[in-house]
Amino acid sequence: MAKIEQVRTEMMNALKAGDKEKKNALSLLLSALKNKQIDKMSDLTEEEENQVVYKEIKEAQETIDTTPADRTDIIDECRKRIEVYSEFAPKLMGEDEIRPIIESVLSELGIDKPVPQDKGKIMKALMPKVKGKADGKIVNQLVSSLFA
């Protein structure tokens, strides 16, 4: 079942249960998914749907980070949105799962002892393999740790 259908079903369930906050969060996610589908002019792939979900989670987190502490209403709403969106986001790869991919990229590139000048080349080869499956910040940190 496509994420759009899952979100729509969950939104209806939240509406029937009287959970207004969850219904509103799902409504925003559904709109984002539909807008992406309209822009593409065809159905979204699973990876594209996941990108939309991650983008919405990231935007909610940025809102929390930039909102003044006394605006607890906005912060609480964004936390609820992140909680709801996380149900639709696939589990991201952990460091233990990313390291072997980094090692395979290093061997593909023929790099035994990486130096900081190799970072761009490593990231260029690595990111297509982990895009949508791993947090870019963690990948960046792991690659940077190779130079220490």
N, C-alpha and C. Protein backbone atom coordinates (compact mmCIF):
# COMPACT_ATOMS: atom_id res chain seq x y z
N MET A 1 0.85 -1.18 0.00
CA MET A 1 0.00 0.00 0.00
C MET A 1 0.89 1.24 0.00
N ALA A 2 0.57 2.18 -0.85
CA ALA A 2 1.34 3.42 -0.94
C ALA A 2 1.19 4.24 0.34
N LYS A 3 2.21 5.04 0.62
CA LYS A 3 2.19 5.86 1.84
C LYS A 3 1.00 6.82 1.85
N ILE A 4 0.62 7.33 0.67
CA ILE A 4 -0.51 8.26 0.61
C ILE A 4 -1.76 7.56 1.14
N GLU A 5 -1.97 6.33 0.75
CA GLU A 5 -3.14 5.58 1.22
C GLU A 5 -3.04 5.28 2.71
N GLN A 6 -1.83 4.94 3.18
CA GLN A 6 -1.63 4.68 4.60
C GLN A 6 -1.93 5.93 5.43
N VAL A 7 -1.42 7.06 4.97
CA VAL A 7 -1.62 8.32 5.68
C VAL A 7 -3.12 8.67 5.69
N ARG A 8 -3.76 8.51 4.54
CA ARG A 8 -5.19 8.81 4.44
C ARG A 8 -6.00 7.93 5.41
N THR A 9 -5.68 6.64 5.46
CA THR A 9 -6.37 5.70 6.36
C THR A 9 -6.16 6.09 7.81
N GLU A 10 -4.90 6.37 8.17
CA GLU A 10 -4.60 6.76 9.55
C GLU A 10 -5.28 8.08 9.91
N MET A 11 -5.36 9.00 8.94
CA MET A 11 -6.02 10.28 9.19
C MET A 11 -7.50 10.06 9.49
N MET A 12 -8.13 9.18 8.73
CA MET A 12 -9.55 8.88 8.98
C MET A 12 -9.74 8.23 10.35
N ASN A 13 -8.82 7.33 10.71
CA ASN A 13 -8.89 6.69 12.03
C ASN A 13 -8.74 7.72 13.15
N ALA A 14 -7.82 8.67 12.97
CA ALA A 14 -7.62 9.72 13.97
C ALA A 14 -8.85 10.61 14.06
N LEU A 15 -9.46 10.88 12.92
CA LEU A 15 -10.67 11.71 12.88
C LEU A 15 -11.81 11.01 13.63
N LYS A 16 -11.97 9.73 13.37
CA LYS A 16 -13.02 8.96 14.06
C LYS A 16 -12.76 8.85 15.55
N ALA A 17 -11.47 8.76 15.94
CA ALA A 17 -11.10 8.65 17.34
C ALA A 17 -11.13 10.00 18.06
N GLY A 18 -11.29 11.08 17.30
CA GLY A 18 -11.34 12.42 17.90
C GLY A 18 -9.98 12.97 18.27
N ASP A 19 -8.91 12.41 17.68
CA ASP A 19 -7.54 12.87 17.95
C ASP A 19 -7.21 13.98 16.95
N LYS A 20 -7.56 15.20 17.34
CA LYS A 20 -7.43 16.35 16.44
C LYS A 20 -5.97 16.64 16.07
N GLU A 21 -5.07 16.55 17.05
CA GLU A 21 -3.65 16.85 16.78
C GLU A 21 -3.07 15.89 15.75
N LYS A 22 -3.34 14.59 15.93
CA LYS A 22 -2.81 13.59 15.00
C LYS A 22 -3.43 13.77 13.62
N LYS A 23 -4.73 14.07 13.59
CA LYS A 23 -5.42 14.28 12.31
C LYS A 23 -4.80 15.46 11.57
N ASN A 24 -4.51 16.55 12.29
CA ASN A 24 -3.91 17.73 11.67
C ASN A 24 -2.51 17.43 11.13
N ALA A 25 -1.72 16.69 11.91
CA ALA A 25 -0.37 16.34 11.48
C ALA A 25 -0.42 15.47 10.23
N LEU A 26 -1.32 14.49 10.23
CA LEU A 26 -1.44 13.61 9.07
C LEU A 26 -1.97 14.36 7.85
N SER A 27 -2.81 15.33 8.08
CA SER A 27 -3.33 16.14 6.99
C SER A 27 -2.19 16.91 6.31
N LEU A 28 -1.28 17.46 7.12
CA LEU A 28 -0.13 18.17 6.57
C LEU A 28 0.78 17.23 5.78
N LEU A 29 1.00 16.03 6.32
CA LEU A 29 1.83 15.05 5.63
C LEU A 29 1.18 14.61 4.32
N LEU A 30 -0.12 14.39 4.35
CA LEU A 30 -0.84 13.98 3.15
C LEU A 30 -0.74 15.07 2.08
N SER A 31 -0.87 16.32 2.48
CA SER A 31 -0.74 17.44 1.54
C SER A 31 0.64 17.48 0.91
N ALA A 32 1.67 17.27 1.73
CA ALA A 32 3.05 17.28 1.22
C ALA A 32 3.26 16.16 0.21
N LEU A 33 2.74 14.97 0.53
CA LEU A 33 2.87 13.84 -0.39
C LEU A 33 2.12 14.09 -1.70
N LYS A 34 0.90 14.64 -1.60
CA LYS A 34 0.12 14.93 -2.81
C LYS A 34 0.78 16.00 -3.65
N ASN A 35 1.32 17.03 -3.00
CA ASN A 35 2.00 18.09 -3.74
C ASN A 35 3.20 17.56 -4.50
N LYS A 36 3.97 16.68 -3.87
CA LYS A 36 5.12 16.07 -4.54
C LYS A 36 4.65 15.23 -5.73
N GLN A 37 3.55 14.52 -5.54
CA GLN A 37 3.00 13.69 -6.61
C GLN A 37 2.53 14.56 -7.78
N ILE A 38 1.90 15.68 -7.47
CA ILE A 38 1.44 16.61 -8.51
C ILE A 38 2.64 17.20 -9.25
N ASP A 39 3.68 17.59 -8.51
CA ASP A 39 4.87 18.14 -9.14
C ASP A 39 5.52 17.14 -10.09
N LYS A 40 5.54 15.88 -9.68
CA LYS A 40 6.16 14.84 -10.49
C LYS A 40 5.26 14.41 -11.65
N MET A 41 3.96 14.62 -11.51
CA MET A 41 2.96 14.24 -12.50
C MET A 41 2.86 12.73 -12.68
N SER A 42 3.20 11.98 -11.65
CA SER A 42 3.01 10.53 -11.64
C SER A 42 3.12 10.04 -10.20
N ASP A 43 2.85 8.76 -10.00
CA ASP A 43 2.93 8.21 -8.65
C ASP A 43 4.36 8.28 -8.13
N LEU A 44 4.47 8.42 -6.82
CA LEU A 44 5.78 8.50 -6.19
C LEU A 44 6.34 7.10 -5.93
N THR A 45 7.66 6.99 -6.02
CA THR A 45 8.30 5.74 -5.63
C THR A 45 8.39 5.72 -4.11
N GLU A 46 8.69 4.57 -3.57
CA GLU A 46 8.80 4.46 -2.11
C GLU A 46 9.90 5.39 -1.58
N GLU A 47 11.00 5.48 -2.31
CA GLU A 47 12.10 6.34 -1.89
C GLU A 47 11.68 7.81 -1.89
N GLU A 48 10.92 8.23 -2.89
CA GLU A 48 10.45 9.61 -2.95
C GLU A 48 9.47 9.90 -1.81
N GLU A 49 8.62 8.93 -1.50
CA GLU A 49 7.69 9.11 -0.37
C GLU A 49 8.48 9.25 0.93
N ASN A 50 9.50 8.43 1.10
CA ASN A 50 10.32 8.52 2.31
C ASN A 50 11.03 9.86 2.40
N GLN A 51 11.48 10.39 1.26
CA GLN A 51 12.14 11.70 1.25
C GLN A 51 11.18 12.78 1.73
N VAL A 52 9.92 12.70 1.30
CA VAL A 52 8.92 13.68 1.73
C VAL A 52 8.72 13.59 3.24
N VAL A 53 8.62 12.36 3.75
CA VAL A 53 8.41 12.17 5.20
C VAL A 53 9.61 12.73 5.97
N TYR A 54 10.84 12.42 5.53
CA TYR A 54 12.03 12.93 6.20
C TYR A 54 12.10 14.45 6.14
N LYS A 55 11.70 15.01 5.02
CA LYS A 55 11.71 16.48 4.86
C LYS A 55 10.75 17.12 5.86
N GLU A 56 9.57 16.52 6.02
CA GLU A 56 8.59 17.05 6.97
C GLU A 56 9.11 16.93 8.40
N ILE A 57 9.76 15.82 8.72
CA ILE A 57 10.33 15.66 10.07
C ILE A 57 11.41 16.70 10.30
N LYS A 58 12.25 16.91 9.30
CA LYS A 58 13.34 17.88 9.42
C LYS A 58 12.79 19.30 9.59
N GLU A 59 11.76 19.64 8.83
CA GLU A 59 11.17 20.97 8.95
C GLU A 59 10.56 21.19 10.34
N ALA A 60 9.90 20.17 10.88
CA ALA A 60 9.32 20.28 12.22
C ALA A 60 10.43 20.45 13.26
N GLN A 61 11.52 19.71 13.08
CA GLN A 61 12.65 19.82 14.02
C GLN A 61 13.28 21.20 13.93
N GLU A 62 13.42 21.75 12.73
CA GLU A 62 13.97 23.10 12.57
C GLU A 62 13.07 24.13 13.22
N THR A 63 11.76 23.93 13.13
CA THR A 63 10.82 24.85 13.78
C THR A 63 11.02 24.82 15.29
N ILE A 64 11.19 23.62 15.84
CA ILE A 64 11.43 23.49 17.28
C ILE A 64 12.72 24.21 17.65
N ASP A 65 13.76 24.03 16.85
CA ASP A 65 15.07 24.62 17.14
C ASP A 65 15.06 26.14 17.08
N THR A 66 14.20 26.72 16.24
CA THR A 66 14.21 28.17 16.06
C THR A 66 13.10 28.89 16.83
N THR A 67 12.23 28.13 17.46
CA THR A 67 11.11 28.74 18.19
C THR A 67 11.56 29.15 19.59
N PRO A 68 11.18 30.35 20.04
CA PRO A 68 11.52 30.77 21.41
C PRO A 68 10.93 29.80 22.44
N ALA A 69 11.65 29.60 23.52
CA ALA A 69 11.27 28.62 24.55
C ALA A 69 9.89 28.90 25.16
N ASP A 70 9.48 30.17 25.18
CA ASP A 70 8.18 30.48 25.79
C ASP A 70 6.99 30.15 24.89
N ARG A 71 7.24 29.76 23.65
CA ARG A 71 6.16 29.37 22.73
C ARG A 71 5.96 27.85 22.77
N THR A 72 5.56 27.37 23.93
CA THR A 72 5.41 25.93 24.13
C THR A 72 4.33 25.33 23.24
N ASP A 73 3.32 26.13 22.85
CA ASP A 73 2.26 25.61 21.99
C ASP A 73 2.83 25.15 20.63
N ILE A 74 3.71 25.96 20.06
CA ILE A 74 4.31 25.62 18.78
C ILE A 74 5.25 24.42 18.93
N ILE A 75 6.04 24.44 19.99
CA ILE A 75 7.00 23.35 20.23
C ILE A 75 6.26 22.03 20.44
N ASP A 76 5.19 22.05 21.22
CA ASP A 76 4.41 20.83 21.46
C ASP A 76 3.78 20.31 20.17
N GLU A 77 3.26 21.22 19.35
CA GLU A 77 2.65 20.82 18.08
C GLU A 77 3.68 20.16 17.17
N CYS A 78 4.88 20.73 17.10
CA CYS A 78 5.93 20.18 16.24
C CYS A 78 6.41 18.82 16.76
N ARG A 79 6.49 18.68 18.07
CA ARG A 79 6.89 17.39 18.64
C ARG A 79 5.87 16.32 18.30
N LYS A 80 4.60 16.67 18.36
CA LYS A 80 3.54 15.73 18.02
C LYS A 80 3.64 15.35 16.54
N ARG A 81 3.91 16.34 15.69
CA ARG A 81 4.06 16.06 14.26
C ARG A 81 5.21 15.10 14.00
N ILE A 82 6.34 15.32 14.67
CA ILE A 82 7.50 14.44 14.50
C ILE A 82 7.15 13.02 14.95
N GLU A 83 6.45 12.92 16.07
CA GLU A 83 6.03 11.62 16.59
C GLU A 83 5.15 10.89 15.57
N VAL A 84 4.20 11.60 14.98
CA VAL A 84 3.28 11.01 14.01
C VAL A 84 4.03 10.65 12.72
N TYR A 85 4.86 11.56 12.23
CA TYR A 85 5.59 11.32 10.98
C TYR A 85 6.55 10.15 11.11
N SER A 86 7.11 9.97 12.29
CA SER A 86 8.07 8.89 12.51
C SER A 86 7.45 7.52 12.28
N GLU A 87 6.15 7.42 12.45
CA GLU A 87 5.45 6.15 12.20
C GLU A 87 5.55 5.76 10.72
N PHE A 88 5.69 6.75 9.85
CA PHE A 88 5.71 6.50 8.41
C PHE A 88 7.11 6.51 7.82
N ALA A 89 8.10 6.86 8.64
CA ALA A 89 9.48 6.90 8.17
C ALA A 89 10.13 5.54 8.41
N PRO A 90 10.79 4.99 7.39
CA PRO A 90 11.49 3.72 7.63
C PRO A 90 12.65 3.94 8.58
N LYS A 91 13.04 2.87 9.25
CA LYS A 91 14.14 2.95 10.21
C LYS A 91 15.42 3.30 9.46
N LEU A 92 16.15 4.29 9.98
CA LEU A 92 17.41 4.68 9.37
C LEU A 92 18.52 3.73 9.78
N MET A 93 19.51 3.62 8.92
CA MET A 93 20.66 2.77 9.21
C MET A 93 21.44 3.34 10.38
N GLY A 94 21.97 2.47 11.21
CA GLY A 94 22.82 2.88 12.32
C GLY A 94 24.27 2.93 11.88
N GLU A 95 25.13 3.41 12.79
CA GLU A 95 26.55 3.51 12.48
C GLU A 95 27.14 2.16 12.08
N ASP A 96 26.71 1.11 12.78
CA ASP A 96 27.25 -0.23 12.51
C ASP A 96 26.89 -0.71 11.11
N GLU A 97 25.77 -0.24 10.57
CA GLU A 97 25.37 -0.63 9.23
C GLU A 97 26.02 0.24 8.16
N ILE A 98 26.40 1.47 8.53
CA ILE A 98 26.99 2.41 7.57
C ILE A 98 28.48 2.12 7.37
N ARG A 99 29.18 1.73 8.44
CA ARG A 99 30.63 1.51 8.35
C ARG A 99 31.03 0.53 7.24
N PRO A 100 30.37 -0.66 7.12
CA PRO A 100 30.77 -1.57 6.03
C PRO A 100 30.59 -0.95 4.64
N ILE A 101 29.57 -0.11 4.48
CA ILE A 101 29.35 0.53 3.18
C ILE A 101 30.48 1.52 2.91
N ILE A 102 30.92 2.25 3.95
CA ILE A 102 32.04 3.18 3.79
C ILE A 102 33.29 2.40 3.39
N GLU A 103 33.52 1.26 4.06
CA GLU A 103 34.70 0.44 3.75
C GLU A 103 34.66 -0.08 2.31
N SER A 104 33.47 -0.47 1.87
CA SER A 104 33.37 -0.96 0.48
C SER A 104 33.62 0.16 -0.52
N VAL A 105 33.16 1.36 -0.21
CA VAL A 105 33.41 2.51 -1.10
C VAL A 105 34.90 2.82 -1.14
N LEU A 106 35.56 2.75 0.02
CA LEU A 106 37.01 3.01 0.05
C LEU A 106 37.75 1.99 -0.81
N SER A 107 37.34 0.72 -0.73
CA SER A 107 38.03 -0.30 -1.54
C SER A 107 37.72 -0.11 -3.03
N GLU A 108 36.48 0.30 -3.36
CA GLU A 108 36.13 0.57 -4.76
C GLU A 108 36.99 1.69 -5.33
N LEU A 109 37.22 2.70 -4.48
CA LEU A 109 38.01 3.86 -4.93
C LEU A 109 39.51 3.61 -4.83
N GLY A 110 39.90 2.49 -4.20
CA GLY A 110 41.32 2.17 -4.06
C GLY A 110 42.01 3.06 -3.05
N ILE A 111 41.31 3.48 -2.01
CA ILE A 111 41.88 4.36 -0.99
C ILE A 111 42.16 3.52 0.25
N ASP A 112 43.46 3.40 0.61
CA ASP A 112 43.83 2.63 1.80
C ASP A 112 43.81 3.51 3.04
N LYS A 113 44.47 4.63 2.94
CA LYS A 113 44.54 5.57 4.07
C LYS A 113 43.96 6.90 3.59
N PRO A 114 42.66 7.12 3.89
CA PRO A 114 42.04 8.36 3.40
C PRO A 114 42.64 9.61 4.05
N VAL A 115 42.73 10.64 3.25
CA VAL A 115 43.18 11.96 3.72
C VAL A 115 42.03 12.94 3.50
N PRO A 116 42.04 14.07 4.20
CA PRO A 116 40.92 15.01 4.06
C PRO A 116 40.61 15.41 2.62
N GLN A 117 41.61 15.41 1.73
CA GLN A 117 41.37 15.79 0.35
C GLN A 117 40.50 14.76 -0.39
N ASP A 118 40.42 13.54 0.15
CA ASP A 118 39.61 12.48 -0.47
C ASP A 118 38.14 12.55 -0.08
N LYS A 119 37.80 13.39 0.88
CA LYS A 119 36.44 13.40 1.43
C LYS A 119 35.37 13.61 0.36
N GLY A 120 35.58 14.55 -0.52
CA GLY A 120 34.59 14.83 -1.58
C GLY A 120 34.37 13.63 -2.47
N LYS A 121 35.45 12.98 -2.85
CA LYS A 121 35.38 11.80 -3.71
C LYS A 121 34.64 10.66 -2.98
N ILE A 122 34.96 10.48 -1.70
CA ILE A 122 34.33 9.41 -0.90
C ILE A 122 32.83 9.68 -0.76
N MET A 123 32.47 10.92 -0.39
CA MET A 123 31.07 11.26 -0.19
C MET A 123 30.27 11.14 -1.49
N LYS A 124 30.90 11.52 -2.60
CA LYS A 124 30.22 11.45 -3.90
C LYS A 124 29.86 10.01 -4.25
N ALA A 125 30.74 9.08 -3.93
CA ALA A 125 30.48 7.67 -4.21
C ALA A 125 29.56 7.03 -3.16
N LEU A 126 29.65 7.52 -1.93
CA LEU A 126 28.92 6.91 -0.81
C LEU A 126 27.45 7.33 -0.74
N MET A 127 27.16 8.60 -0.93
CA MET A 127 25.80 9.10 -0.69
C MET A 127 24.72 8.43 -1.54
N PRO A 128 24.94 8.13 -2.81
CA PRO A 128 23.88 7.44 -3.55
C PRO A 128 23.52 6.08 -2.96
N LYS A 129 24.49 5.45 -2.28
CA LYS A 129 24.24 4.13 -1.69
C LYS A 129 23.44 4.19 -0.40
N VAL A 130 23.53 5.33 0.31
CA VAL A 130 22.85 5.43 1.61
C VAL A 130 21.74 6.49 1.63
N LYS A 131 21.55 7.17 0.52
CA LYS A 131 20.55 8.24 0.47
C LYS A 131 19.16 7.70 0.80
N GLY A 132 18.50 8.34 1.75
CA GLY A 132 17.17 7.91 2.15
C GLY A 132 17.17 6.75 3.13
N LYS A 133 18.35 6.19 3.38
CA LYS A 133 18.46 5.07 4.30
C LYS A 133 19.24 5.43 5.55
N ALA A 134 20.01 6.52 5.48
CA ALA A 134 20.85 6.92 6.60
C ALA A 134 20.84 8.43 6.73
N ASP A 135 21.03 8.90 7.96
CA ASP A 135 21.09 10.33 8.23
C ASP A 135 22.41 10.88 7.68
N GLY A 136 22.32 11.89 6.83
CA GLY A 136 23.50 12.48 6.21
C GLY A 136 24.51 13.00 7.21
N LYS A 137 24.04 13.52 8.36
CA LYS A 137 24.96 14.04 9.38
C LYS A 137 25.81 12.92 9.95
N ILE A 138 25.20 11.77 10.20
CA ILE A 138 25.94 10.64 10.76
C ILE A 138 26.95 10.13 9.73
N VAL A 139 26.54 10.04 8.48
CA VAL A 139 27.45 9.60 7.41
C VAL A 139 28.64 10.54 7.34
N ASN A 140 28.38 11.84 7.38
CA ASN A 140 29.44 12.85 7.32
C ASN A 140 30.40 12.69 8.50
N GLN A 141 29.85 12.48 9.70
CA GLN A 141 30.69 12.32 10.89
C GLN A 141 31.57 11.08 10.77
N LEU A 142 30.99 9.98 10.28
CA LEU A 142 31.77 8.75 10.15
C LEU A 142 32.90 8.90 9.13
N VAL A 143 32.61 9.56 8.02
CA VAL A 143 33.66 9.77 7.01
C VAL A 143 34.72 10.70 7.56
N SER A 144 34.31 11.74 8.27
CA SER A 144 35.27 12.68 8.87
C SER A 144 36.15 12.00 9.90
N SER A 145 35.59 11.02 10.61
CA SER A 145 36.36 10.31 11.65
C SER A 145 37.49 9.47 11.03
N LEU A 146 37.41 9.18 9.75
CA LEU A 146 38.47 8.41 9.09
C LEU A 146 39.79 9.19 9.04
N PHE A 147 39.71 10.50 9.10
CA PHE A 147 40.89 11.35 8.96
C PHE A 147 41.55 11.65 10.30
N ALA A 148 40.95 11.23 11.39
CA ALA A 148 41.48 11.56 12.72
C ALA A 148 42.69 10.72 13.07
